[in-house]
Amino acid sequence: MAQTDEQLIELCKNGDLSALEELLNQYRNPLMAFICSVVRDYHLAEDIFQETFIRIYREARRFRSGAGFKTWLYAIAMNRCRDALRKSRRKPTLSLETEIKGPDGVPVGRMIETVGGEGPGPREEAGGRELEAIFRRKLAGLSEEHRQVVIMNRLSGLKYREIARILGIPSGTVRSRLHYALEHLRKKMFTGEDHNEM
């Protein structure tokens, strides 16, 4: 039987690197999507992702049993994002359509392709790759604050109160941002409206 996140982090407290690797593999896609939505720079996002897991490993002993690992993970990632943006003192400039190159310099895909997680997503709900591609393009057009809550709730499975804790905003604000963002996405996807970007 698969171990829970909380069991894996308990193993990390005892120096178990395989437990850390399992957590890293499990959260790679959804956490990278979230980090990219904040910093809008794939290479910076990769650095932040690695820093987040180094911090998770170093601070595993601080994790309180009974607390939600996912909330703790995303809060650490969000703090790393804020630190990186503060250091750079610049607004993110790369598009989510930016091409990503592998270590050998050969293109391997686009940044938007990191937006995705395990479990049901736009493909299962809307049916087919074409609609998923449309969803991803429309998602990239949302403002940062609206895109973040969609990714955290719909693609990463975080609850309103968890998102509120991570972003430092009231649950009601999370709920209203998510409602507005999803309504906006619905209109853009199914009526072809492309004006009034958020």
C-alpha atoms as a PDB file:
ATOM      1  CA  MET A   1       0.000   0.000   0.000  1.00  0.00           C
ATOM      2  CA  ALA A   2       1.281   3.476  -0.907  1.00  0.00           C
ATOM      3  CA  GLN A   3       2.459   5.669   1.924  1.00  0.00           C
ATOM      4  CA  THR A   4       0.787   9.000   2.688  1.00  0.00           C
ATOM      5  CA  ASP A   5       2.632  12.310   2.373  1.00  0.00           C
ATOM      6  CA  GLU A   6       2.731  12.539   6.153  1.00  0.00           C
ATOM      7  CA  GLN A   7       4.314   9.078   6.456  1.00  0.00           C
ATOM      8  CA  LEU A   8       6.902   9.992   3.825  1.00  0.00           C
ATOM      9  CA  ILE A   9       7.836  13.236   5.572  1.00  0.00           C
ATOM     10  CA  GLU A  10       8.226  11.287   8.828  1.00  0.00           C
ATOM     11  CA  LEU A  11      10.735   9.052   6.994  1.00  0.00           C
ATOM     12  CA  CYS A  12      12.512  12.193   5.752  1.00  0.00           C
ATOM     13  CA  LYS A  13      12.973  13.246   9.379  1.00  0.00           C
ATOM     14  CA  ASN A  14      15.153  10.160   9.754  1.00  0.00           C
ATOM     15  CA  GLY A  15      17.212  10.987   6.667  1.00  0.00           C
ATOM     16  CA  ASP A  16      15.394   8.724   4.189  1.00  0.00           C
ATOM     17  CA  LEU A  17      16.251  10.193   0.767  1.00  0.00           C
ATOM     18  CA  SER A  18      14.025   7.710  -1.079  1.00  0.00           C
ATOM     19  CA  ALA A  19      11.004   9.139   0.781  1.00  0.00           C
ATOM     20  CA  LEU A  20      12.033  12.636  -0.324  1.00  0.00           C
ATOM     21  CA  GLU A  21      12.413  11.414  -3.904  1.00  0.00           C
ATOM     22  CA  GLU A  22       8.937   9.893  -3.799  1.00  0.00           C
ATOM     23  CA  LEU A  23       7.447  13.210  -2.622  1.00  0.00           C
ATOM     24  CA  LEU A  24       9.427  15.076  -5.269  1.00  0.00           C
ATOM     25  CA  ASN A  25       8.134  12.816  -8.060  1.00  0.00           C
ATOM     26  CA  GLN A  26       4.562  13.017  -6.800  1.00  0.00           C
ATOM     27  CA  TYR A  27       4.511  16.820  -6.672  1.00  0.00           C
ATOM     28  CA  ARG A  28       6.759  17.684  -9.639  1.00  0.00           C
ATOM     29  CA  ASN A  29       4.029  18.578 -12.181  1.00  0.00           C
ATOM     30  CA  PRO A  30       1.488  20.354  -9.962  1.00  0.00           C
ATOM     31  CA  LEU A  31       4.096  22.247  -7.935  1.00  0.00           C
ATOM     32  CA  MET A  32       6.063  23.280 -11.038  1.00  0.00           C
ATOM     33  CA  ALA A  33       2.815  24.512 -12.607  1.00  0.00           C
ATOM     34  CA  PHE A  34       2.100  26.564  -9.499  1.00  0.00           C
ATOM     35  CA  ILE A  35       5.610  28.027  -9.290  1.00  0.00           C
ATOM     36  CA  CYS A  36       5.546  28.882 -13.025  1.00  0.00           C
ATOM     37  CA  SER A  37       2.227  30.636 -12.513  1.00  0.00           C
ATOM     38  CA  VAL A  38       3.880  32.888  -9.919  1.00  0.00           C
ATOM     39  CA  VAL A  39       7.314  33.632 -11.414  1.00  0.00           C
ATOM     40  CA  ARG A  40       6.516  33.084 -15.141  1.00  0.00           C
ATOM     41  CA  ASP A  41      10.094  31.968 -15.791  1.00  0.00           C
ATOM     42  CA  TYR A  42      10.669  28.243 -16.278  1.00  0.00           C
ATOM     43  CA  HIS A  43      14.357  28.208 -15.323  1.00  0.00           C
ATOM     44  CA  LEU A  44      13.731  30.251 -12.182  1.00  0.00           C
ATOM     45  CA  ALA A  45      10.795  27.943 -11.392  1.00  0.00           C
ATOM     46  CA  GLU A  46      13.081  24.903 -11.630  1.00  0.00           C
ATOM     47  CA  ASP A  47      15.506  26.524  -9.181  1.00  0.00           C
ATOM     48  CA  ILE A  48      12.675  27.356  -6.785  1.00  0.00           C
ATOM     49  CA  PHE A  49      11.296  23.820  -7.068  1.00  0.00           C
ATOM     50  CA  GLN A  50      14.704  22.402  -6.097  1.00  0.00           C
ATOM     51  CA  GLU A  51      15.160  24.950  -3.285  1.00  0.00           C
ATOM     52  CA  THR A  52      11.705  24.035  -1.964  1.00  0.00           C
ATOM     53  CA  PHE A  53      12.563  20.357  -1.703  1.00  0.00           C
ATOM     54  CA  ILE A  54      15.981  21.055  -0.189  1.00  0.00           C
ATOM     55  CA  ARG A  55      14.162  23.114   2.435  1.00  0.00           C
ATOM     56  CA  ILE A  56      11.573  20.361   2.951  1.00  0.00           C
ATOM     57  CA  TYR A  57      14.381  17.888   3.616  1.00  0.00           C
ATOM     58  CA  ARG A  58      16.330  20.218   5.912  1.00  0.00           C
ATOM     59  CA  GLU A  59      13.259  21.296   7.871  1.00  0.00           C
ATOM     60  CA  ALA A  60      11.419  17.960   7.942  1.00  0.00           C
ATOM     61  CA  ARG A  61      11.879  17.838  11.724  1.00  0.00           C
ATOM     62  CA  ARG A  62       9.781  21.023  12.031  1.00  0.00           C
ATOM     63  CA  PHE A  63       6.805  19.411  10.325  1.00  0.00           C
ATOM     64  CA  ARG A  64       4.092  18.821  12.916  1.00  0.00           C
ATOM     65  CA  SER A  65       2.328  15.477  12.830  1.00  0.00           C
ATOM     66  CA  GLY A  66      -1.315  16.003  11.958  1.00  0.00           C
ATOM     67  CA  ALA A  67      -0.593  19.106   9.842  1.00  0.00           C
ATOM     68  CA  GLY A  68      -1.262  19.010   6.098  1.00  0.00           C
ATOM     69  CA  PHE A  69       1.923  18.303   4.150  1.00  0.00           C
ATOM     70  CA  LYS A  70       0.575  19.749   0.890  1.00  0.00           C
ATOM     71  CA  THR A  71      -0.247  23.095   2.535  1.00  0.00           C
ATOM     72  CA  TRP A  72       3.211  23.216   4.127  1.00  0.00           C
ATOM     73  CA  LEU A  73       4.870  22.385   0.785  1.00  0.00           C
ATOM     74  CA  TYR A  74       2.985  25.063  -1.157  1.00  0.00           C
ATOM     75  CA  ALA A  75       3.579  27.674   1.578  1.00  0.00           C
ATOM     76  CA  ILE A  76       7.337  27.048   1.391  1.00  0.00           C
ATOM     77  CA  ALA A  77       7.229  27.240  -2.421  1.00  0.00           C
ATOM     78  CA  MET A  78       5.225  30.474  -2.287  1.00  0.00           C
ATOM     79  CA  ASN A  79       7.740  32.037   0.115  1.00  0.00           C
ATOM     80  CA  ARG A  80      10.624  30.989  -2.182  1.00  0.00           C
ATOM     81  CA  CYS A  81       8.766  32.581  -5.124  1.00  0.00           C
ATOM     82  CA  ARG A  82       8.277  35.837  -3.221  1.00  0.00           C
ATOM     83  CA  ASP A  83      11.947  35.899  -2.217  1.00  0.00           C
ATOM     84  CA  ALA A  84      13.080  35.298  -5.810  1.00  0.00           C
ATOM     85  CA  LEU A  85      10.810  37.998  -7.219  1.00  0.00           C
ATOM     86  CA  ARG A  86      11.905  40.440  -4.518  1.00  0.00           C
ATOM     87  CA  LYS A  87      15.566  39.737  -5.328  1.00  0.00           C
ATOM     88  CA  SER A  88      15.094  40.204  -9.037  1.00  0.00           C
ATOM     89  CA  ARG A  89      12.962  43.330  -8.502  1.00  0.00           C
ATOM     90  CA  ARG A  90      11.446  42.839 -11.908  1.00  0.00           C
ATOM     91  CA  LYS A  91       8.133  41.703 -13.224  1.00  0.00           C
ATOM     92  CA  PRO A  92       8.139  38.278 -14.868  1.00  0.00           C
ATOM     93  CA  THR A  93       8.533  38.675 -18.612  1.00  0.00           C
ATOM     94  CA  LEU A  94       8.448  35.212 -20.181  1.00  0.00           C
ATOM     95  CA  SER A  95       5.265  33.864 -21.636  1.00  0.00           C
ATOM     96  CA  LEU A  96       3.910  30.453 -20.707  1.00  0.00           C
ATOM     97  CA  GLU A  97       4.272  29.751 -24.447  1.00  0.00           C
ATOM     98  CA  THR A  98       8.087  29.986 -24.082  1.00  0.00           C
ATOM     99  CA  GLU A  99       9.868  26.988 -25.570  1.00  0.00           C
ATOM    100  CA  ILE A 100      11.820  24.846 -23.100  1.00  0.00           C
ATOM    101  CA  LYS A 101      15.125  23.331 -24.151  1.00  0.00           C
ATOM    102  CA  GLY A 102      16.673  20.216 -22.666  1.00  0.00           C
ATOM    103  CA  PRO A 103      20.270  19.972 -21.415  1.00  0.00           C
ATOM    104  CA  ASP A 104      21.419  19.220 -24.987  1.00  0.00           C
ATOM    105  CA  GLY A 105      19.742  22.390 -26.312  1.00  0.00           C
ATOM    106  CA  VAL A 106      17.034  20.483 -28.182  1.00  0.00           C
ATOM    107  CA  PRO A 107      13.472  21.820 -27.691  1.00  0.00           C
ATOM    108  CA  VAL A 108      11.440  19.514 -25.436  1.00  0.00           C
ATOM    109  CA  GLY A 109       8.165  21.421 -25.170  1.00  0.00           C
ATOM    110  CA  ARG A 110       6.582  24.621 -23.963  1.00  0.00           C
ATOM    111  CA  MET A 111       6.309  26.034 -20.441  1.00  0.00           C
ATOM    112  CA  ILE A 112       2.507  25.748 -20.545  1.00  0.00           C
ATOM    113  CA  GLU A 113       2.902  21.968 -20.805  1.00  0.00           C
ATOM    114  CA  THR A 114       4.095  21.898 -17.185  1.00  0.00           C
ATOM    115  CA  VAL A 115       0.600  22.976 -16.145  1.00  0.00           C
ATOM    116  CA  GLY A 116      -1.002  19.721 -15.287  1.00  0.00           C
ATOM    117  CA  GLY A 117      -1.328  17.258 -12.522  1.00  0.00           C
ATOM    118  CA  GLU A 118      -2.449  13.790 -11.874  1.00  0.00           C
ATOM    119  CA  GLY A 119      -6.089  12.904 -11.670  1.00  0.00           C
ATOM    120  CA  PRO A 120      -9.041  14.365 -13.527  1.00  0.00           C
ATOM    121  CA  GLY A 121      -8.316  17.541 -15.400  1.00  0.00           C
ATOM    122  CA  PRO A 122      -9.541  19.499 -18.395  1.00  0.00           C
ATOM    123  CA  ARG A 123      -9.017  16.528 -20.751  1.00  0.00           C
ATOM    124  CA  GLU A 124     -11.310  14.252 -18.761  1.00  0.00           C
ATOM    125  CA  GLU A 125     -13.913  16.955 -18.212  1.00  0.00           C
ATOM    126  CA  ALA A 126     -13.975  18.481 -21.689  1.00  0.00           C
ATOM    127  CA  GLY A 127     -12.799  15.479 -23.668  1.00  0.00           C
ATOM    128  CA  GLY A 128      -9.822  15.342 -25.966  1.00  0.00           C
ATOM    129  CA  ARG A 129      -6.441  16.929 -26.376  1.00  0.00           C
ATOM    130  CA  GLU A 130      -7.704  19.835 -28.454  1.00  0.00           C
ATOM    131  CA  LEU A 131      -9.961  21.168 -25.697  1.00  0.00           C
ATOM    132  CA  GLU A 132      -7.193  20.665 -23.155  1.00  0.00           C
ATOM    133  CA  ALA A 133      -4.848  22.769 -25.298  1.00  0.00           C
ATOM    134  CA  ILE A 134      -7.508  25.493 -25.518  1.00  0.00           C
ATOM    135  CA  PHE A 135      -7.959  25.383 -21.738  1.00  0.00           C
ATOM    136  CA  ARG A 136      -4.222  25.753 -21.171  1.00  0.00           C
ATOM    137  CA  ARG A 137      -4.001  28.733 -23.531  1.00  0.00           C
ATOM    138  CA  LYS A 138      -6.961  30.417 -21.868  1.00  0.00           C
ATOM    139  CA  LEU A 139      -5.533  29.657 -18.403  1.00  0.00           C
ATOM    140  CA  ALA A 140      -2.286  31.383 -19.397  1.00  0.00           C
ATOM    141  CA  GLY A 141      -4.345  34.493 -20.232  1.00  0.00           C
ATOM    142  CA  LEU A 142      -5.663  34.917 -16.680  1.00  0.00           C
ATOM    143  CA  SER A 143      -4.086  37.352 -14.246  1.00  0.00           C
ATOM    144  CA  GLU A 144      -1.529  35.872 -11.861  1.00  0.00           C
ATOM    145  CA  GLU A 145      -3.858  35.962  -8.841  1.00  0.00           C
ATOM    146  CA  HIS A 146      -6.669  34.206 -10.729  1.00  0.00           C
ATOM    147  CA  ARG A 147      -4.389  31.675 -12.441  1.00  0.00           C
ATOM    148  CA  GLN A 148      -2.836  30.721  -9.083  1.00  0.00           C
ATOM    149  CA  VAL A 149      -6.134  29.826  -7.436  1.00  0.00           C
ATOM    150  CA  VAL A 150      -7.266  27.783 -10.460  1.00  0.00           C
ATOM    151  CA  ILE A 151      -4.005  25.831 -10.504  1.00  0.00           C
ATOM    152  CA  MET A 152      -3.977  25.322  -6.742  1.00  0.00           C
ATOM    153  CA  ASN A 153      -7.623  24.262  -6.494  1.00  0.00           C
ATOM    154  CA  ARG A 154      -8.412  22.510  -9.771  1.00  0.00           C
ATOM    155  CA  LEU A 155      -5.032  21.063 -10.722  1.00  0.00           C
ATOM    156  CA  SER A 156      -3.354  20.599  -7.333  1.00  0.00           C
ATOM    157  CA  GLY A 157      -6.482  19.752  -5.315  1.00  0.00           C
ATOM    158  CA  LEU A 158      -5.953  22.267  -2.514  1.00  0.00           C
ATOM    159  CA  LYS A 159      -8.983  23.340  -0.489  1.00  0.00           C
ATOM    160  CA  TYR A 160     -10.029  26.990  -0.072  1.00  0.00           C
ATOM    161  CA  ARG A 161      -8.660  27.234   3.467  1.00  0.00           C
ATOM    162  CA  GLU A 162      -5.322  25.708   2.391  1.00  0.00           C
ATOM    163  CA  ILE A 163      -4.998  28.175  -0.490  1.00  0.00           C
ATOM    164  CA  ALA A 164      -5.960  31.032   1.846  1.00  0.00           C
ATOM    165  CA  ARG A 165      -3.194  30.025   4.271  1.00  0.00           C
ATOM    166  CA  ILE A 166      -0.600  29.756   1.500  1.00  0.00           C
ATOM    167  CA  LEU A 167      -1.476  33.077  -0.141  1.00  0.00           C
ATOM    168  CA  GLY A 168      -2.240  34.919   3.108  1.00  0.00           C
ATOM    169  CA  ILE A 169      -5.734  35.962   2.037  1.00  0.00           C
ATOM    170  CA  PRO A 170      -9.225  35.192   3.414  1.00  0.00           C
ATOM    171  CA  SER A 171     -11.024  32.032   2.246  1.00  0.00           C
ATOM    172  CA  GLY A 172     -13.808  34.201   0.861  1.00  0.00           C
ATOM    173  CA  THR A 173     -11.306  35.942  -1.418  1.00  0.00           C
ATOM    174  CA  VAL A 174     -10.078  32.560  -2.668  1.00  0.00           C
ATOM    175  CA  ARG A 175     -13.669  31.501  -3.349  1.00  0.00           C
ATOM    176  CA  SER A 176     -14.519  34.710  -5.249  1.00  0.00           C
ATOM    177  CA  ARG A 177     -11.289  34.654  -7.294  1.00  0.00           C
ATOM    178  CA  LEU A 178     -11.862  31.034  -8.233  1.00  0.00           C
ATOM    179  CA  HIS A 179     -15.498  31.647  -9.151  1.00  0.00           C
ATOM    180  CA  TYR A 180     -14.592  34.657 -11.276  1.00  0.00           C
ATOM    181  CA  ALA A 181     -11.675  32.853 -12.972  1.00  0.00           C
ATOM    182  CA  LEU A 182     -13.707  29.737 -13.780  1.00  0.00           C
ATOM    183  CA  GLU A 183     -16.591  31.811 -15.114  1.00  0.00           C
ATOM    184  CA  HIS A 184     -14.150  33.771 -17.261  1.00  0.00           C
ATOM    185  CA  LEU A 185     -12.551  30.533 -18.559  1.00  0.00           C
ATOM    186  CA  ARG A 186     -15.980  29.052 -19.357  1.00  0.00           C
ATOM    187  CA  LYS A 187     -16.945  32.099 -21.397  1.00  0.00           C
ATOM    188  CA  LYS A 188     -13.637  32.185 -23.256  1.00  0.00           C
ATOM    189  CA  MET A 189     -13.634  28.449 -23.986  1.00  0.00           C
ATOM    190  CA  PHE A 190     -17.225  27.895 -24.989  1.00  0.00           C
ATOM    191  CA  THR A 191     -18.265  31.214 -26.488  1.00  0.00           C
ATOM    192  CA  GLY A 192     -14.950  32.099 -28.081  1.00  0.00           C
ATOM    193  CA  GLU A 193     -14.741  35.394 -26.192  1.00  0.00           C
ATOM    194  CA  ASP A 194     -11.162  36.583 -26.035  1.00  0.00           C
ATOM    195  CA  HIS A 195     -11.588  40.165 -24.924  1.00  0.00           C
ATOM    196  CA  ASN A 196     -11.312  41.608 -21.419  1.00  0.00           C
ATOM    197  CA  GLU A 197      -8.302  39.601 -20.261  1.00  0.00           C
ATOM    198  CA  MET A 198      -8.167  39.384 -16.486  1.00  0.00           C
END
